[in-house]
Amino acid sequence: MVSMRKGLVILAIIFVFTVLIAACERDEKKTEGIAVNIYYIDTKSSGIVSEEYYMQSKEANDQISELMGMLQSEPKNLVYRSALPANVTYNFTLDKDKSLTIDFNTAYSQQTGIVEVLCRAAIVKTLTQIKGVDYIQITVNGNPLVDVNGSFVGILTADDFIDSIEASTTFRAKLYFANRKGDKLIEYDTEIQYSGTASLEELVIKQLINGPTELGMYNTIPEGTVLLNISKSEGICTVDFNEVFLEKLPGVTKEVAIYSVVNTLVELPDINKVQFTINSKPVKIYWEDMPFDVMFERNLDIIQTPK
């Protein structure tokens, strides 16, 4: 009888030990793989939050599929919600230049306002953790994504977003407008509220389009010009306007018109050169004789020096 009890105790100890080993193995498996953050929308729909996740896939395309699935999954913290609705379907292509294009069905367009911006931010910040994915472009049924103002969203990077729209920051920027004669640029220091819902490049160009608010400064961009897209890559900022930008603005030289844009953009971080497109296509000549399908660099000679 005693030996039987001892045998049962030994079996019980072996069972517990086996369960503990199995539990440890499961925990180890959870931490195998590549540690990344999956981004979700917070309780107030005012920002994005993240949870740690261990990615199991090895190839980039498989990793994209895996993380997209996680974006549609329910977060561990039940007060958060998934950034990408379950009824949204998608296809994607990853190019050799590290540019990922994700094409969603029309269900994506049911998201509007800040919710869509947060969804966009969660997608970009999650997927750009994958080695080989630096830039993301979102399309819907093959058409470029547009924002609430009707402007093309364009190519996105993780740096285009901050985690909370409540954590907006003030950014000092230099804009360049025309002087009274229209032959020189005047430097204008201003503060821009940056919340991460639009890139700094987009914000400064839209302020240029809106025109100056100070006396003695004049417009350099024709009324009716629309910024269709703006993106940067490897120090080059590409600005895509509609055809109105090509119209001659009375009283302003062509150099002032071009370098108001170029000098303004080159003041921003990580931009050294600017190239222009019109309706997504290069144009050879600007105002009859100025080469336009080239890379433009900062022009300090055209800036009016203070008296």
Protein backbone atom coordinates (compact mmCIF):
# COMPACT_ATOMS: atom_id res chain seq x y z
CA MET A 1 0.00 0.00 0.00
CA VAL A 2 2.80 2.39 0.92
CA SER A 3 4.71 1.58 -2.26
CA MET A 4 1.54 2.25 -4.29
CA ARG A 5 1.16 5.69 -2.68
CA LYS A 6 4.80 6.47 -3.39
CA GLY A 7 4.25 5.43 -6.99
CA LEU A 8 1.24 7.74 -7.30
CA VAL A 9 3.21 10.63 -5.80
CA ILE A 10 6.04 10.04 -8.24
CA LEU A 11 3.58 9.94 -11.16
CA ALA A 12 1.98 13.17 -9.94
CA ILE A 13 5.38 14.87 -9.74
CA ILE A 14 6.27 13.65 -13.23
CA PHE A 15 2.92 14.95 -14.56
CA VAL A 16 3.39 18.39 -12.99
CA PHE A 17 6.95 18.56 -14.25
CA THR A 18 5.80 17.65 -17.77
CA VAL A 19 3.09 20.32 -17.71
CA LEU A 20 5.60 22.94 -16.55
CA ILE A 21 8.04 22.00 -19.31
CA ALA A 22 5.26 22.21 -21.91
CA ALA A 23 4.19 25.62 -20.59
CA CYS A 24 7.76 26.88 -20.77
CA GLU A 25 8.07 25.60 -24.33
CA ARG A 26 4.85 27.41 -25.29
CA ASP A 27 6.18 30.64 -23.77
CA GLU A 28 9.44 30.21 -25.64
CA LYS A 29 7.56 29.71 -28.90
CA LYS A 30 5.65 32.92 -28.27
CA THR A 31 8.92 34.82 -28.17
CA GLU A 32 10.38 33.12 -31.24
CA GLY A 33 10.37 35.18 -34.41
CA ILE A 34 10.83 38.90 -35.09
CA ALA A 35 9.50 41.32 -32.48
CA VAL A 36 7.32 44.06 -34.01
CA ASN A 37 4.51 46.35 -32.88
CA ILE A 38 0.96 46.00 -34.17
CA TYR A 39 -0.87 49.32 -34.11
CA TYR A 40 -4.51 49.67 -33.07
CA ILE A 41 -6.89 52.60 -32.51
CA ASP A 42 -7.28 53.83 -28.95
CA THR A 43 -10.51 54.14 -26.97
CA LYS A 44 -11.17 57.77 -27.90
CA SER A 45 -10.27 57.37 -31.58
CA SER A 46 -7.74 60.13 -31.00
CA GLY A 47 -4.58 58.18 -31.63
CA ILE A 48 -2.96 54.82 -32.23
CA VAL A 49 -1.53 52.41 -29.68
CA SER A 50 0.61 49.33 -30.11
CA GLU A 51 0.99 45.80 -28.78
CA GLU A 52 4.08 43.66 -29.13
CA TYR A 53 3.86 40.76 -31.53
CA TYR A 54 6.34 38.12 -32.69
CA MET A 55 6.24 37.74 -36.46
CA GLN A 56 6.70 34.17 -37.62
CA SER A 57 7.07 34.59 -41.39
CA LYS A 58 10.48 34.89 -43.00
CA GLU A 59 9.80 36.27 -46.50
CA ALA A 60 8.68 39.88 -47.01
CA ASN A 61 5.46 39.04 -48.87
CA ASP A 62 4.49 36.52 -46.21
CA GLN A 63 5.30 39.02 -43.48
CA ILE A 64 3.03 41.60 -45.12
CA SER A 65 0.16 39.11 -45.20
CA GLU A 66 0.80 38.12 -41.59
CA LEU A 67 0.84 41.69 -40.29
CA MET A 68 -2.17 42.71 -42.37
CA GLY A 69 -4.02 39.83 -40.72
CA MET A 70 -2.97 41.13 -37.31
CA LEU A 71 -4.22 44.62 -38.20
CA GLN A 72 -7.66 43.10 -38.71
CA SER A 73 -7.49 41.00 -35.56
CA GLU A 74 -8.82 41.96 -32.15
CA PRO A 75 -6.14 43.40 -29.83
CA LYS A 76 -5.32 41.77 -26.51
CA ASN A 77 -6.43 44.92 -24.71
CA LEU A 78 -10.19 44.85 -25.26
CA VAL A 79 -10.56 48.63 -24.88
CA TYR A 80 -8.61 49.09 -28.11
CA ARG A 81 -10.01 48.23 -31.52
CA SER A 82 -8.49 46.90 -34.70
CA ALA A 83 -7.38 49.54 -37.15
CA LEU A 84 -8.56 47.73 -40.26
CA PRO A 85 -12.21 46.56 -40.42
CA ALA A 86 -12.79 42.87 -41.07
CA ASN A 87 -14.85 43.51 -44.23
CA VAL A 88 -11.94 45.26 -45.95
CA THR A 89 -10.17 43.07 -48.50
CA TYR A 90 -6.94 43.88 -50.29
CA ASN A 91 -4.21 42.96 -52.76
CA PHE A 92 -0.65 44.19 -52.60
CA THR A 93 2.53 44.45 -54.65
CA LEU A 94 6.04 45.02 -53.28
CA ASP A 95 8.54 46.60 -55.66
CA LYS A 96 12.32 46.33 -55.57
CA ASP A 97 12.58 50.01 -54.58
CA LYS A 98 11.02 49.09 -51.20
CA SER A 99 7.68 50.61 -52.21
CA LEU A 100 4.56 48.70 -51.16
CA THR A 101 1.23 49.38 -52.87
CA ILE A 102 -1.91 48.13 -51.10
CA ASP A 103 -5.15 48.16 -53.07
CA PHE A 104 -8.29 47.94 -50.88
CA ASN A 105 -11.88 47.26 -51.87
CA THR A 106 -14.56 49.95 -51.52
CA ALA A 107 -15.21 48.94 -47.90
CA TYR A 108 -12.09 50.91 -47.00
CA SER A 109 -13.82 54.13 -48.14
CA GLN A 110 -16.52 53.66 -45.50
CA GLN A 111 -13.95 55.01 -43.03
CA THR A 112 -13.96 58.79 -43.02
CA GLY A 113 -12.29 61.68 -41.24
CA ILE A 114 -9.83 61.03 -38.46
CA VAL A 115 -10.74 57.32 -38.27
CA GLU A 116 -9.41 56.81 -41.79
CA VAL A 117 -6.28 58.81 -40.96
CA LEU A 118 -5.66 56.64 -37.90
CA CYS A 119 -6.24 53.49 -39.94
CA ARG A 120 -3.77 54.79 -42.51
CA ALA A 121 -1.25 55.56 -39.75
CA ALA A 122 -1.62 52.11 -38.18
CA ILE A 123 -1.07 50.39 -41.53
CA VAL A 124 2.02 52.41 -42.38
CA LYS A 125 3.66 52.25 -38.94
CA THR A 126 3.02 48.50 -38.70
CA LEU A 127 4.17 47.46 -42.17
CA THR A 128 7.24 49.68 -42.44
CA GLN A 129 8.80 47.58 -39.68
CA ILE A 130 9.29 44.91 -42.33
CA LYS A 131 12.77 44.90 -43.85
CA GLY A 132 12.34 45.91 -47.47
CA VAL A 133 9.25 48.11 -46.92
CA ASP A 134 10.08 51.80 -46.63
CA TYR A 135 7.28 53.45 -48.60
CA ILE A 136 3.57 52.65 -48.79
CA GLN A 137 0.94 53.80 -51.25
CA ILE A 138 -2.74 53.09 -50.63
CA THR A 139 -5.26 52.75 -53.44
CA VAL A 140 -8.95 51.90 -53.44
CA ASN A 141 -10.21 49.80 -56.37
CA GLY A 142 -7.08 50.80 -58.25
CA ASN A 143 -7.56 54.54 -57.69
CA PRO A 144 -5.19 56.65 -55.55
CA LEU A 145 -6.45 57.40 -52.05
CA VAL A 146 -7.62 61.00 -51.54
CA ASP A 147 -7.97 62.89 -48.27
CA VAL A 148 -10.95 64.92 -47.01
CA ASN A 149 -9.78 67.89 -49.09
CA GLY A 150 -9.76 65.86 -52.28
CA SER A 151 -5.94 65.82 -52.51
CA PHE A 152 -4.07 62.65 -53.35
CA VAL A 153 -2.49 61.13 -50.25
CA GLY A 154 0.49 59.81 -52.18
CA ILE A 155 3.44 57.84 -50.86
CA LEU A 156 3.64 57.46 -47.08
CA THR A 157 6.40 56.68 -44.58
CA ALA A 158 6.33 56.04 -40.85
CA ASP A 159 7.72 59.54 -40.24
CA ASP A 160 4.54 61.06 -41.71
CA PHE A 161 2.60 60.13 -38.58
CA ILE A 162 2.71 60.65 -34.83
CA ASP A 163 0.82 58.40 -32.47
CA SER A 164 -1.77 60.87 -31.22
CA ILE A 165 -3.64 63.71 -32.90
CA GLU A 166 -3.80 65.31 -29.47
CA ALA A 167 0.00 65.44 -29.41
CA SER A 168 0.27 68.00 -32.18
CA THR A 169 3.49 69.97 -32.27
CA THR A 170 4.43 73.38 -33.54
CA PHE A 171 7.01 73.31 -36.31
CA ARG A 172 9.04 76.34 -37.39
CA ALA A 173 9.13 76.70 -41.16
CA LYS A 174 10.48 79.15 -43.69
CA LEU A 175 8.26 80.05 -46.64
CA TYR A 176 9.37 82.11 -49.61
CA PHE A 177 7.07 84.63 -51.28
CA ALA A 178 7.70 87.26 -53.97
CA ASN A 179 8.80 90.82 -53.24
CA ARG A 180 6.92 93.81 -54.68
CA LYS A 181 8.90 93.77 -57.94
CA GLY A 182 8.45 90.02 -58.31
CA ASP A 183 12.14 89.46 -59.03
CA LYS A 184 13.29 88.28 -55.60
CA LEU A 185 12.09 86.04 -52.79
CA ILE A 186 11.32 87.21 -49.29
CA GLU A 187 11.90 84.78 -46.43
CA TYR A 188 8.91 84.40 -44.13
CA ASP A 189 9.29 82.60 -40.77
CA THR A 190 6.11 80.99 -39.52
CA GLU A 191 4.82 78.30 -37.16
CA ILE A 192 2.89 75.31 -38.48
CA GLN A 193 0.71 73.05 -36.36
CA TYR A 194 1.79 69.52 -37.17
CA SER A 195 -0.38 66.63 -35.96
CA GLY A 196 0.91 63.87 -38.22
CA THR A 197 -2.27 63.75 -40.33
CA ALA A 198 -0.40 65.35 -43.24
CA SER A 199 3.27 65.58 -44.11
CA LEU A 200 5.26 68.73 -43.44
CA GLU A 201 5.92 69.00 -47.18
CA GLU A 202 2.19 69.06 -47.89
CA LEU A 203 1.53 71.64 -45.17
CA VAL A 204 4.14 74.15 -46.34
CA ILE A 205 3.15 73.89 -50.01
CA LYS A 206 -0.51 74.43 -49.16
CA GLN A 207 0.48 77.54 -47.24
CA LEU A 208 2.41 78.75 -50.29
CA ILE A 209 -0.68 78.17 -52.43
CA ASN A 210 -2.83 80.10 -49.95
CA GLY A 211 -0.43 83.03 -50.22
CA PRO A 212 1.21 85.39 -47.73
CA THR A 213 -0.50 87.06 -44.80
CA GLU A 214 2.13 89.76 -44.34
CA LEU A 215 2.25 93.11 -46.15
CA GLY A 216 5.04 93.47 -48.70
CA MET A 217 4.89 89.81 -49.74
CA TYR A 218 3.13 88.51 -52.84
CA ASN A 219 1.86 85.26 -54.31
CA THR A 220 4.16 83.07 -56.37
CA ILE A 221 1.67 80.34 -57.31
CA PRO A 222 -1.30 80.97 -59.65
CA GLU A 223 -4.78 80.87 -58.11
CA GLY A 224 -6.46 77.55 -58.83
CA THR A 225 -3.26 75.51 -58.49
CA VAL A 226 -3.92 72.18 -56.77
CA LEU A 227 -1.32 70.03 -55.04
CA LEU A 228 -2.09 66.55 -56.35
CA ASN A 229 0.69 64.67 -54.63
CA ILE A 230 3.95 65.22 -52.78
CA SER A 231 6.50 62.65 -51.67
CA LYS A 232 10.15 62.40 -50.74
CA SER A 233 12.72 59.67 -51.21
CA GLU A 234 16.47 59.68 -50.71
CA GLY A 235 16.65 63.45 -50.35
CA ILE A 236 14.49 64.21 -53.39
CA CYS A 237 11.02 65.73 -52.98
CA THR A 238 8.63 65.24 -55.91
CA VAL A 239 5.82 67.78 -56.20
CA ASP A 240 2.87 67.07 -58.47
CA PHE A 241 0.62 70.04 -59.36
CA ASN A 242 -2.31 70.37 -61.72
CA GLU A 243 -1.79 72.21 -65.01
CA VAL A 244 -2.72 75.60 -63.51
CA PHE A 245 0.76 75.81 -61.97
CA LEU A 246 2.19 76.27 -65.48
CA GLU A 247 0.25 79.50 -66.03
CA LYS A 248 2.30 82.70 -66.01
CA LEU A 249 1.66 84.83 -62.95
CA PRO A 250 1.82 88.53 -63.91
CA GLY A 251 4.54 90.50 -62.17
CA VAL A 252 6.55 87.47 -61.04
CA THR A 253 9.60 86.03 -62.79
CA LYS A 254 9.72 82.35 -63.61
CA GLU A 255 12.72 81.90 -61.29
CA VAL A 256 10.80 83.40 -58.37
CA ALA A 257 7.81 81.14 -59.07
CA ILE A 258 9.95 77.98 -59.19
CA TYR A 259 12.33 78.73 -56.34
CA SER A 260 9.59 79.82 -53.95
CA VAL A 261 8.61 76.14 -53.97
CA VAL A 262 12.14 74.74 -54.12
CA ASN A 263 13.67 76.92 -51.38
CA THR A 264 10.68 76.33 -49.10
CA LEU A 265 10.93 72.56 -49.42
CA VAL A 266 14.72 72.38 -49.09
CA GLU A 267 14.37 74.08 -45.70
CA LEU A 268 12.65 70.91 -44.45
CA PRO A 269 14.56 67.92 -43.02
CA ASP A 270 15.93 65.30 -45.44
CA ILE A 271 15.21 67.29 -48.62
CA ASN A 272 18.10 68.39 -50.84
CA LYS A 273 16.50 68.56 -54.29
CA VAL A 274 13.04 69.09 -55.78
CA GLN A 275 11.49 67.79 -58.97
CA PHE A 276 8.16 68.79 -60.49
CA THR A 277 5.47 66.87 -62.33
CA ILE A 278 2.18 68.08 -63.74
CA ASN A 279 -0.78 65.71 -63.49
CA SER A 280 1.73 62.97 -62.59
CA LYS A 281 3.78 63.51 -65.77
CA PRO A 282 7.08 65.32 -66.35
CA VAL A 283 6.93 68.53 -68.40
CA LYS A 284 10.04 69.62 -70.33
CA ILE A 285 9.62 73.40 -70.40
CA TYR A 286 8.22 75.94 -67.95
CA TRP A 287 7.13 79.36 -69.25
CA GLU A 288 8.40 78.84 -72.80
CA ASP A 289 12.14 78.50 -72.17
CA MET A 290 12.97 77.28 -68.64
CA PRO A 291 13.95 73.57 -68.35
CA PHE A 292 11.42 71.97 -66.02
CA ASP A 293 12.18 68.22 -66.11
CA VAL A 294 15.34 68.62 -64.00
CA MET A 295 16.29 68.44 -60.34
CA PHE A 296 16.18 71.85 -58.67
CA GLU A 297 18.45 72.76 -55.77
CA ARG A 298 18.29 75.67 -53.34
CA ASN A 299 18.94 79.08 -54.92
CA LEU A 300 20.31 81.58 -52.40
CA ASP A 301 21.01 84.30 -54.96
CA ILE A 302 17.33 84.92 -55.55
CA ILE A 303 16.59 85.69 -51.90
CA GLN A 304 16.25 89.39 -51.12
CA THR A 305 18.70 90.45 -48.43
CA PRO A 306 17.31 92.62 -45.60
CA LYS A 307 18.15 96.33 -45.89
